[in-house]
C-alpha atoms as a PDB file:
ATOM      1  CA  UNK A   1      29.848 -29.324  36.839  1.00  0.00           C
ATOM      2  CA  UNK A   2      26.719 -27.722  35.330  1.00  0.00           C
ATOM      3  CA  UNK A   3      24.916 -31.037  35.477  1.00  0.00           C
ATOM      4  CA  UNK A   4      26.013 -31.675  39.053  1.00  0.00           C
ATOM      5  CA  UNK A   5      24.729 -28.262  40.147  1.00  0.00           C
ATOM      6  CA  UNK A   6      21.452 -28.845  38.338  1.00  0.00           C
ATOM      7  CA  UNK A   7      20.872 -32.133  40.190  1.00  0.00           C
ATOM      8  CA  UNK A   8      21.761 -30.564  43.525  1.00  0.00           C
ATOM      9  CA  UNK A   9      19.513 -27.528  42.969  1.00  0.00           C
ATOM     10  CA  UNK A  10      16.537 -29.658  41.986  1.00  0.00           C
ATOM     11  CA  UNK A  11      17.034 -32.427  44.569  1.00  0.00           C
ATOM     12  CA  UNK A  12      16.860 -35.066  41.798  1.00  0.00           C
ATOM     13  CA  UNK A  13      13.457 -36.262  43.038  1.00  0.00           C
ATOM     14  CA  UNK A  14      11.424 -35.671  39.893  1.00  0.00           C
ATOM     15  CA  UNK A  15      14.215 -36.961  37.689  1.00  0.00           C
ATOM     16  CA  UNK A  16      14.518 -40.116  39.795  1.00  0.00           C
ATOM     17  CA  UNK A  17      10.777 -40.697  39.515  1.00  0.00           C
ATOM     18  CA  UNK A  18      10.886 -40.242  35.767  1.00  0.00           C
ATOM     19  CA  UNK A  19      13.811 -42.597  35.354  1.00  0.00           C
ATOM     20  CA  UNK A  20      12.039 -45.198  37.445  1.00  0.00           C
ATOM     21  CA  UNK A  21       8.793 -44.798  35.530  1.00  0.00           C
ATOM     22  CA  UNK A  22      10.415 -45.123  32.144  1.00  0.00           C
ATOM     23  CA  UNK A  23      12.687 -47.951  33.119  1.00  0.00           C
ATOM     24  CA  UNK A  24       9.746 -50.026  34.356  1.00  0.00           C
ATOM     25  CA  UNK A  25       6.955 -49.013  31.941  1.00  0.00           C
ATOM     26  CA  UNK A  26       5.441 -51.098  29.154  1.00  0.00           C
ATOM     27  CA  UNK A  27       6.039 -48.162  26.806  1.00  0.00           C
ATOM     28  CA  UNK A  28       9.790 -48.445  27.057  1.00  0.00           C
ATOM     29  CA  UNK A  29       9.626 -52.200  26.569  1.00  0.00           C
ATOM     30  CA  UNK A  30       7.588 -51.777  23.405  1.00  0.00           C
ATOM     31  CA  UNK A  31       9.408 -48.815  21.899  1.00  0.00           C
ATOM     32  CA  UNK A  32      13.021 -49.096  23.058  1.00  0.00           C
ATOM     33  CA  UNK A  33      15.551 -51.820  22.431  1.00  0.00           C
ATOM     34  CA  UNK A  34      16.797 -54.026  25.250  1.00  0.00           C
ATOM     35  CA  UNK A  35      20.104 -52.199  25.532  1.00  0.00           C
ATOM     36  CA  UNK A  36      18.321 -48.892  26.148  1.00  0.00           C
ATOM     37  CA  UNK A  37      16.066 -50.553  28.721  1.00  0.00           C
ATOM     38  CA  UNK A  38      19.049 -51.891  30.605  1.00  0.00           C
ATOM     39  CA  UNK A  39      20.732 -48.491  30.451  1.00  0.00           C
ATOM     40  CA  UNK A  40      17.614 -46.940  31.945  1.00  0.00           C
ATOM     41  CA  UNK A  41      17.719 -49.385  34.869  1.00  0.00           C
ATOM     42  CA  UNK A  42      21.465 -49.020  35.369  1.00  0.00           C
ATOM     43  CA  UNK A  43      21.409 -45.224  35.322  1.00  0.00           C
ATOM     44  CA  UNK A  44      18.370 -45.091  37.582  1.00  0.00           C
ATOM     45  CA  UNK A  45      20.062 -47.332  40.135  1.00  0.00           C
ATOM     46  CA  UNK A  46      23.298 -45.353  40.017  1.00  0.00           C
ATOM     47  CA  UNK A  47      21.571 -42.002  40.547  1.00  0.00           C
ATOM     48  CA  UNK A  48      19.287 -43.228  43.301  1.00  0.00           C
ATOM     49  CA  UNK A  49      22.204 -44.838  45.099  1.00  0.00           C
ATOM     50  CA  UNK A  50      23.949 -41.480  45.431  1.00  0.00           C
ATOM     51  CA  UNK A  51      22.827 -38.535  47.534  1.00  0.00           C
ATOM     52  CA  UNK A  52      22.561 -35.079  45.991  1.00  0.00           C
ATOM     53  CA  UNK A  53      26.042 -34.118  47.141  1.00  0.00           C
ATOM     54  CA  UNK A  54      27.668 -37.371  46.046  1.00  0.00           C
ATOM     55  CA  UNK A  55      26.945 -37.242  42.317  1.00  0.00           C
ATOM     56  CA  UNK A  56      30.199 -37.961  40.536  1.00  0.00           C
ATOM     57  CA  UNK A  57      30.743 -35.251  37.952  1.00  0.00           C
ATOM     58  CA  UNK A  58      33.125 -37.525  36.036  1.00  0.00           C
ATOM     59  CA  UNK A  59      30.360 -40.004  35.158  1.00  0.00           C
ATOM     60  CA  UNK A  60      28.222 -38.902  32.223  1.00  0.00           C
ATOM     61  CA  UNK A  61      24.916 -40.363  33.360  1.00  0.00           C
ATOM     62  CA  UNK A  62      22.749 -38.207  31.153  1.00  0.00           C
ATOM     63  CA  UNK A  63      24.681 -38.854  27.946  1.00  0.00           C
ATOM     64  CA  UNK A  64      23.624 -42.498  28.190  1.00  0.00           C
ATOM     65  CA  UNK A  65      19.925 -41.843  28.685  1.00  0.00           C
ATOM     66  CA  UNK A  66      17.433 -42.953  26.010  1.00  0.00           C
ATOM     67  CA  UNK A  67      15.651 -40.051  24.329  1.00  0.00           C
ATOM     68  CA  UNK A  68      12.301 -41.174  25.775  1.00  0.00           C
ATOM     69  CA  UNK A  69      13.650 -40.672  29.285  1.00  0.00           C
ATOM     70  CA  UNK A  70      14.928 -37.168  28.471  1.00  0.00           C
ATOM     71  CA  UNK A  71      11.531 -36.248  27.014  1.00  0.00           C
ATOM     72  CA  UNK A  72       9.903 -37.487  30.224  1.00  0.00           C
ATOM     73  CA  UNK A  73      12.213 -35.358  32.362  1.00  0.00           C
ATOM     74  CA  UNK A  74      11.366 -32.274  30.279  1.00  0.00           C
ATOM     75  CA  UNK A  75       7.716 -32.634  31.285  1.00  0.00           C
ATOM     76  CA  UNK A  76       8.639 -31.633  34.855  1.00  0.00           C
ATOM     77  CA  UNK A  77      10.583 -28.495  33.860  1.00  0.00           C
ATOM     78  CA  UNK A  78       9.516 -25.066  32.673  1.00  0.00           C
ATOM     79  CA  UNK A  79      11.011 -23.727  29.451  1.00  0.00           C
ATOM     80  CA  UNK A  80      13.850 -21.811  31.107  1.00  0.00           C
ATOM     81  CA  UNK A  81      14.867 -24.784  33.267  1.00  0.00           C
ATOM     82  CA  UNK A  82      14.695 -27.116  30.266  1.00  0.00           C
ATOM     83  CA  UNK A  83      16.969 -24.773  28.341  1.00  0.00           C
ATOM     84  CA  UNK A  84      19.549 -24.833  31.151  1.00  0.00           C
ATOM     85  CA  UNK A  85      19.121 -28.592  31.495  1.00  0.00           C
ATOM     86  CA  UNK A  86      19.719 -29.117  27.757  1.00  0.00           C
ATOM     87  CA  UNK A  87      23.020 -27.217  27.927  1.00  0.00           C
ATOM     88  CA  UNK A  88      24.669 -29.719  30.260  1.00  0.00           C
ATOM     89  CA  UNK A  89      25.833 -32.061  27.480  1.00  0.00           C
ATOM     90  CA  UNK A  90      25.603 -32.648  23.731  1.00  0.00           C
ATOM     91  CA  UNK A  91      23.196 -35.563  24.086  1.00  0.00           C
ATOM     92  CA  UNK A  92      20.674 -33.438  25.954  1.00  0.00           C
ATOM     93  CA  UNK A  93      21.038 -30.537  23.556  1.00  0.00           C
ATOM     94  CA  UNK A  94      20.334 -32.856  20.623  1.00  0.00           C
ATOM     95  CA  UNK A  95      16.806 -33.355  22.013  1.00  0.00           C
ATOM     96  CA  UNK A  96      16.134 -29.641  22.524  1.00  0.00           C
ATOM     97  CA  UNK A  97      14.138 -29.254  19.299  1.00  0.00           C
ATOM     98  CA  UNK A  98      12.089 -32.421  19.796  1.00  0.00           C
ATOM     99  CA  UNK A  99       8.487 -31.664  18.766  1.00  0.00           C
ATOM    100  CA  UNK A 100       6.916 -33.804  21.495  1.00  0.00           C
ATOM    101  CA  UNK A 101       8.620 -31.624  24.136  1.00  0.00           C
ATOM    102  CA  UNK A 102       7.366 -28.373  22.598  1.00  0.00           C
ATOM    103  CA  UNK A 103       3.934 -29.923  22.069  1.00  0.00           C
ATOM    104  CA  UNK A 104       3.614 -30.146  25.876  1.00  0.00           C
ATOM    105  CA  UNK A 105       4.919 -26.609  26.447  1.00  0.00           C
ATOM    106  CA  UNK A 106       2.492 -25.193  23.872  1.00  0.00           C
ATOM    107  CA  UNK A 107      -0.393 -27.039  25.481  1.00  0.00           C
ATOM    108  CA  UNK A 108       0.474 -25.695  28.937  1.00  0.00           C
ATOM    109  CA  UNK A 109       1.610 -22.130  28.159  1.00  0.00           C
ATOM    110  CA  UNK A 110      -0.691 -21.292  25.226  1.00  0.00           C
ATOM    111  CA  UNK A 111      -3.833 -23.422  25.695  1.00  0.00           C
ATOM    112  CA  UNK A 112      -6.083 -21.232  23.514  1.00  0.00           C
ATOM    113  CA  UNK A 113      -3.589 -20.851  20.687  1.00  0.00           C
ATOM    114  CA  UNK A 114      -2.791 -24.557  20.964  1.00  0.00           C
ATOM    115  CA  UNK A 115      -6.336 -25.454  19.898  1.00  0.00           C
ATOM    116  CA  UNK A 116      -5.942 -23.539  16.642  1.00  0.00           C
ATOM    117  CA  UNK A 117      -2.446 -24.547  15.528  1.00  0.00           C
ATOM    118  CA  UNK A 118      -1.705 -27.336  13.074  1.00  0.00           C
ATOM    119  CA  UNK A 119       0.599 -29.948  14.571  1.00  0.00           C
ATOM    120  CA  UNK A 120       3.885 -30.073  12.671  1.00  0.00           C
ATOM    121  CA  UNK A 121       7.459 -31.198  13.131  1.00  0.00           C
ATOM    122  CA  UNK A 122       8.561 -27.651  13.897  1.00  0.00           C
ATOM    123  CA  UNK A 123       6.742 -26.943  17.161  1.00  0.00           C
ATOM    124  CA  UNK A 124       9.816 -25.287  18.671  1.00  0.00           C
ATOM    125  CA  UNK A 125       9.485 -22.423  16.148  1.00  0.00           C
ATOM    126  CA  UNK A 126       5.727 -22.331  16.771  1.00  0.00           C
ATOM    127  CA  UNK A 127       6.340 -21.850  20.501  1.00  0.00           C
ATOM    128  CA  UNK A 128       8.916 -19.152  19.843  1.00  0.00           C
ATOM    129  CA  UNK A 129       6.433 -17.386  17.573  1.00  0.00           C
ATOM    130  CA  UNK A 130       3.751 -17.202  20.241  1.00  0.00           C
ATOM    131  CA  UNK A 131       6.254 -16.238  22.909  1.00  0.00           C
ATOM    132  CA  UNK A 132       7.786 -13.384  20.919  1.00  0.00           C
ATOM    133  CA  UNK A 133       4.692 -12.210  19.106  1.00  0.00           C
ATOM    134  CA  UNK A 134       2.366 -10.368  21.495  1.00  0.00           C
ATOM    135  CA  UNK A 135       2.694  -9.149  25.068  1.00  0.00           C
ATOM    136  CA  UNK A 136      -0.659  -8.055  26.467  1.00  0.00           C
ATOM    137  CA  UNK A 137      -1.058  -5.158  28.889  1.00  0.00           C
ATOM    138  CA  UNK A 138      -1.931  -7.236  31.950  1.00  0.00           C
ATOM    139  CA  UNK A 139       1.483  -8.927  31.666  1.00  0.00           C
ATOM    140  CA  UNK A 140       3.385  -5.635  31.626  1.00  0.00           C
ATOM    141  CA  UNK A 141       4.840  -3.781  34.601  1.00  0.00           C
ATOM    142  CA  UNK A 142       3.002  -0.438  34.737  1.00  0.00           C
ATOM    143  CA  UNK A 143       3.885   2.190  37.328  1.00  0.00           C
ATOM    144  CA  UNK A 144       0.958   3.192  39.585  1.00  0.00           C
ATOM    145  CA  UNK A 145      -1.298   0.408  38.308  1.00  0.00           C
ATOM    146  CA  UNK A 146      -4.450   0.382  40.420  1.00  0.00           C
ATOM    147  CA  UNK A 147      -4.003   4.025  41.302  1.00  0.00           C
ATOM    148  CA  UNK A 148      -3.785   5.948  38.039  1.00  0.00           C
ATOM    149  CA  UNK A 149      -4.233   2.953  35.753  1.00  0.00           C
ATOM    150  CA  UNK A 150      -6.871   0.224  35.593  1.00  0.00           C
ATOM    151  CA  UNK A 151      -7.361  -2.962  33.571  1.00  0.00           C
ATOM    152  CA  UNK A 152     -10.612  -3.432  31.664  1.00  0.00           C
ATOM    153  CA  UNK A 153     -12.318  -6.751  30.907  1.00  0.00           C
ATOM    154  CA  UNK A 154     -10.292  -7.224  27.708  1.00  0.00           C
ATOM    155  CA  UNK A 155      -7.024  -6.873  29.627  1.00  0.00           C
ATOM    156  CA  UNK A 156      -6.201  -3.417  28.250  1.00  0.00           C
ATOM    157  CA  UNK A 157      -4.550  -0.879  30.559  1.00  0.00           C
ATOM    158  CA  UNK A 158      -6.534   2.390  30.790  1.00  0.00           C
ATOM    159  CA  UNK A 159      -4.813   5.546  32.025  1.00  0.00           C
ATOM    160  CA  UNK A 160      -6.889   7.998  34.054  1.00  0.00           C
ATOM    161  CA  UNK A 161      -4.112  10.460  34.784  1.00  0.00           C
ATOM    162  CA  UNK A 162      -0.526  10.247  35.876  1.00  0.00           C
ATOM    163  CA  UNK A 163       2.628  12.275  36.105  1.00  0.00           C
ATOM    164  CA  UNK A 164       5.135   9.427  36.215  1.00  0.00           C
ATOM    165  CA  UNK A 165       4.450   7.513  32.971  1.00  0.00           C
ATOM    166  CA  UNK A 166       6.375   4.232  32.899  1.00  0.00           C
ATOM    167  CA  UNK A 167       5.374   0.971  31.165  1.00  0.00           C
ATOM    168  CA  UNK A 168       7.752  -1.987  30.933  1.00  0.00           C
ATOM    169  CA  UNK A 169       7.346  -5.234  29.023  1.00  0.00           C
ATOM    170  CA  UNK A 170       9.683  -8.175  28.543  1.00  0.00           C
ATOM    171  CA  UNK A 171       9.773 -10.774  25.792  1.00  0.00           C
ATOM    172  CA  UNK A 172      11.602 -13.952  26.773  1.00  0.00           C
ATOM    173  CA  UNK A 173      13.297 -16.558  24.583  1.00  0.00           C
ATOM    174  CA  UNK A 174      13.808 -14.273  21.575  1.00  0.00           C
ATOM    175  CA  UNK A 175      15.979 -15.843  18.881  1.00  0.00           C
ATOM    176  CA  UNK A 176      18.387 -13.870  16.708  1.00  0.00           C
ATOM    177  CA  UNK A 177      16.903 -11.913  13.832  1.00  0.00           C
ATOM    178  CA  UNK A 178      15.253  -8.626  12.883  1.00  0.00           C
ATOM    179  CA  UNK A 179      11.971  -7.643  14.529  1.00  0.00           C
ATOM    180  CA  UNK A 180       9.464  -4.837  14.111  1.00  0.00           C
ATOM    181  CA  UNK A 181       8.278  -3.324  17.386  1.00  0.00           C
ATOM    182  CA  UNK A 182       4.666  -2.122  17.470  1.00  0.00           C
ATOM    183  CA  UNK A 183       2.574  -0.773  20.334  1.00  0.00           C
ATOM    184  CA  UNK A 184      -1.190  -1.202  20.045  1.00  0.00           C
ATOM    185  CA  UNK A 185      -2.509   1.952  21.743  1.00  0.00           C
ATOM    186  CA  UNK A 186      -5.510   4.254  21.864  1.00  0.00           C
ATOM    187  CA  UNK A 187      -5.520   8.002  22.362  1.00  0.00           C
ATOM    188  CA  UNK A 188      -8.808   9.656  23.289  1.00  0.00           C
ATOM    189  CA  UNK A 189     -10.082  12.829  21.668  1.00  0.00           C
ATOM    190  CA  UNK A 190      -9.758  14.444  25.084  1.00  0.00           C
ATOM    191  CA  UNK A 191      -6.173  13.660  26.012  1.00  0.00           C
ATOM    192  CA  UNK A 192      -3.005  15.483  26.899  1.00  0.00           C
ATOM    193  CA  UNK A 193       0.633  15.338  27.887  1.00  0.00           C
ATOM    194  CA  UNK A 194       1.378  12.438  25.536  1.00  0.00           C
ATOM    195  CA  UNK A 195       3.509  14.163  22.905  1.00  0.00           C
ATOM    196  CA  UNK A 196       7.088  13.116  23.474  1.00  0.00           C
ATOM    197  CA  UNK A 197       6.371   9.675  24.950  1.00  0.00           C
ATOM    198  CA  UNK A 198       9.593   7.709  24.606  1.00  0.00           C
ATOM    199  CA  UNK A 199       9.588   4.075  23.463  1.00  0.00           C
ATOM    200  CA  UNK A 200      12.799   2.099  23.745  1.00  0.00           C
ATOM    201  CA  UNK A 201      13.873  -1.499  23.201  1.00  0.00           C
ATOM    202  CA  UNK A 202      16.980  -3.264  24.387  1.00  0.00           C
ATOM    203  CA  UNK A 203      18.079  -6.890  24.340  1.00  0.00           C
ATOM    204  CA  UNK A 204      20.557  -8.550  26.662  1.00  0.00           C
ATOM    205  CA  UNK A 205      24.074  -7.753  25.538  1.00  0.00           C
ATOM    206  CA  UNK A 206      23.212  -4.767  23.335  1.00  0.00           C
ATOM    207  CA  UNK A 207      25.179  -1.604  23.952  1.00  0.00           C
ATOM    208  CA  UNK A 208      22.564   1.030  23.105  1.00  0.00           C
ATOM    209  CA  UNK A 209      18.747   0.870  23.161  1.00  0.00           C
ATOM    210  CA  UNK A 210      16.596   1.483  20.104  1.00  0.00           C
ATOM    211  CA  UNK A 211      14.467   4.609  20.606  1.00  0.00           C
ATOM    212  CA  UNK A 212      11.318   6.242  19.271  1.00  0.00           C
ATOM    213  CA  UNK A 213       9.579   9.449  20.381  1.00  0.00           C
ATOM    214  CA  UNK A 214       5.914  10.255  19.724  1.00  0.00           C
ATOM    215  CA  UNK A 215       5.772  13.432  17.661  1.00  0.00           C
ATOM    216  CA  UNK A 216       2.939  15.931  17.492  1.00  0.00           C
ATOM    217  CA  UNK A 217       1.971  14.617  14.026  1.00  0.00           C
ATOM    218  CA  UNK A 218       1.886  11.016  15.244  1.00  0.00           C
ATOM    219  CA  UNK A 219      -0.193  12.030  18.252  1.00  0.00           C
ATOM    220  CA  UNK A 220      -2.761  13.926  16.148  1.00  0.00           C
ATOM    221  CA  UNK A 221      -3.073  11.042  13.667  1.00  0.00           C
ATOM    222  CA  UNK A 222      -3.915   8.575  16.440  1.00  0.00           C
ATOM    223  CA  UNK A 223      -6.446  10.685  18.339  1.00  0.00           C
ATOM    224  CA  UNK A 224     -10.013   9.425  18.493  1.00  0.00           C
ATOM    225  CA  UNK A 225      -9.718   6.402  16.154  1.00  0.00           C
ATOM    226  CA  UNK A 226      -9.574   3.538  18.664  1.00  0.00           C
ATOM    227  CA  UNK A 227      -6.792   1.009  19.122  1.00  0.00           C
ATOM    228  CA  UNK A 228      -4.118   1.282  16.445  1.00  0.00           C
ATOM    229  CA  UNK A 229      -0.691  -0.368  16.020  1.00  0.00           C
ATOM    230  CA  UNK A 230       1.992   2.296  16.311  1.00  0.00           C
ATOM    231  CA  UNK A 231       5.093   1.099  14.438  1.00  0.00           C
ATOM    232  CA  UNK A 232       8.109   2.264  16.426  1.00  0.00           C
ATOM    233  CA  UNK A 233      11.262   0.810  14.897  1.00  0.00           C
ATOM    234  CA  UNK A 234      13.096  -2.324  13.841  1.00  0.00           C
ATOM    235  CA  UNK A 235      15.384  -4.061  16.290  1.00  0.00           C
ATOM    236  CA  UNK A 236      18.106  -6.474  15.256  1.00  0.00           C
ATOM    237  CA  UNK A 237      18.804  -9.110  17.904  1.00  0.00           C
ATOM    238  CA  UNK A 238      22.294 -10.574  17.725  1.00  0.00           C
ATOM    239  CA  UNK A 239      23.263 -12.566  20.778  1.00  0.00           C
ATOM    240  CA  UNK A 240      25.529 -15.646  21.016  1.00  0.00           C
ATOM    241  CA  UNK A 241      22.975 -17.363  23.273  1.00  0.00           C
ATOM    242  CA  UNK A 242      20.268 -19.588  21.827  1.00  0.00           C
ATOM    243  CA  UNK A 243      17.727 -17.001  22.867  1.00  0.00           C
ATOM    244  CA  UNK A 244      17.676 -13.756  24.811  1.00  0.00           C
ATOM    245  CA  UNK A 245      15.327 -11.278  26.495  1.00  0.00           C
ATOM    246  CA  UNK A 246      14.066  -8.117  24.815  1.00  0.00           C
ATOM    247  CA  UNK A 247      12.848  -5.337  27.110  1.00  0.00           C
ATOM    248  CA  UNK A 248      10.443  -2.671  25.871  1.00  0.00           C
ATOM    249  CA  UNK A 249       9.807   0.539  27.792  1.00  0.00           C
ATOM    250  CA  UNK A 250       7.283   3.350  27.172  1.00  0.00           C
ATOM    251  CA  UNK A 251       7.966   6.323  29.402  1.00  0.00           C
ATOM    252  CA  UNK A 252       7.878  10.057  29.940  1.00  0.00           C
ATOM    253  CA  UNK A 253       9.194  11.346  33.244  1.00  0.00           C
ATOM    254  CA  UNK A 254       8.639  15.059  32.725  1.00  0.00           C
ATOM    255  CA  UNK A 255       6.604  16.551  35.530  1.00  0.00           C
ATOM    256  CA  UNK A 256       3.308  17.233  33.821  1.00  0.00           C
ATOM    257  CA  UNK A 257       0.110  15.169  33.815  1.00  0.00           C
ATOM    258  CA  UNK A 258      -0.779  12.674  31.091  1.00  0.00           C
ATOM    259  CA  UNK A 259      -4.295  11.390  30.449  1.00  0.00           C
ATOM    260  CA  UNK A 260      -6.550   9.840  27.784  1.00  0.00           C
ATOM    261  CA  UNK A 261      -4.218   6.936  26.875  1.00  0.00           C
ATOM    262  CA  UNK A 262      -4.760   3.154  26.732  1.00  0.00           C
ATOM    263  CA  UNK A 263      -2.499   0.282  25.744  1.00  0.00           C
ATOM    264  CA  UNK A 264      -3.629  -3.130  24.543  1.00  0.00           C
ATOM    265  CA  UNK A 265      -0.380  -4.899  23.660  1.00  0.00           C
ATOM    266  CA  UNK A 266       3.181  -4.708  22.393  1.00  0.00           C
ATOM    267  CA  UNK A 267       4.043  -6.717  19.296  1.00  0.00           C
ATOM    268  CA  UNK A 268       7.497  -8.038  18.470  1.00  0.00           C
ATOM    269  CA  UNK A 269       7.165  -9.372  14.927  1.00  0.00           C
ATOM    270  CA  UNK A 270      10.032 -11.197  13.239  1.00  0.00           C
ATOM    271  CA  UNK A 271      10.680 -10.032   9.690  1.00  0.00           C
ATOM    272  CA  UNK A 272      13.521 -12.316   8.599  1.00  0.00           C
END
């Protein structure tokens, strides 16, 4: 049923094209045995012969696909869609960690980091590392951005003044484990209203959020020394899903003005 819904939701067009391309390409003739080639043709013809609403959920088309075809399909999907796609049967899930798939996702989603990494057989973990390592300010949801906040050329969020202080960031595809949460922030010599800023973290399925409050001592130690990583707490992610979302919030909703604060990034660093 999951697979049927996936085909219906995505109109099958890209998947049909991929099946056709692989079933007729020289690559598949050179790299796949004749039985796999024939399967590619047979499956392609079966799928194309049915409309979106006529796909028979009792026929396991995808479980018979050669791995090369599945890899080709993954090229048309984003990471979240590929994850859902891979959950439709055991054969698809067995290809989830394929390095050639994550090679493409790294190249698309992290083009600068991609140039510096060493290609290995564990590119899935490399992708997860980049995706759960650093969230920069321009990718956060900041209340009153453009009014009481502005972004500088480096992508840091600079606070002029605000009463309603609320910053939200979300890390996607976080695997189970223990992480240290750090906020890379700057507090100006001339600043105020920042003592008592609350920082919380919560992952999908957790009952209570992890919390940290900026004390007077912490505030004084950070004043006037530029961007510094403020270590907030450790968070232990334990979710039955393959990966989950972790939401970080920095806020203070007391009705007094805050000023002289900047944020560069939030770091979610795995420790074990």
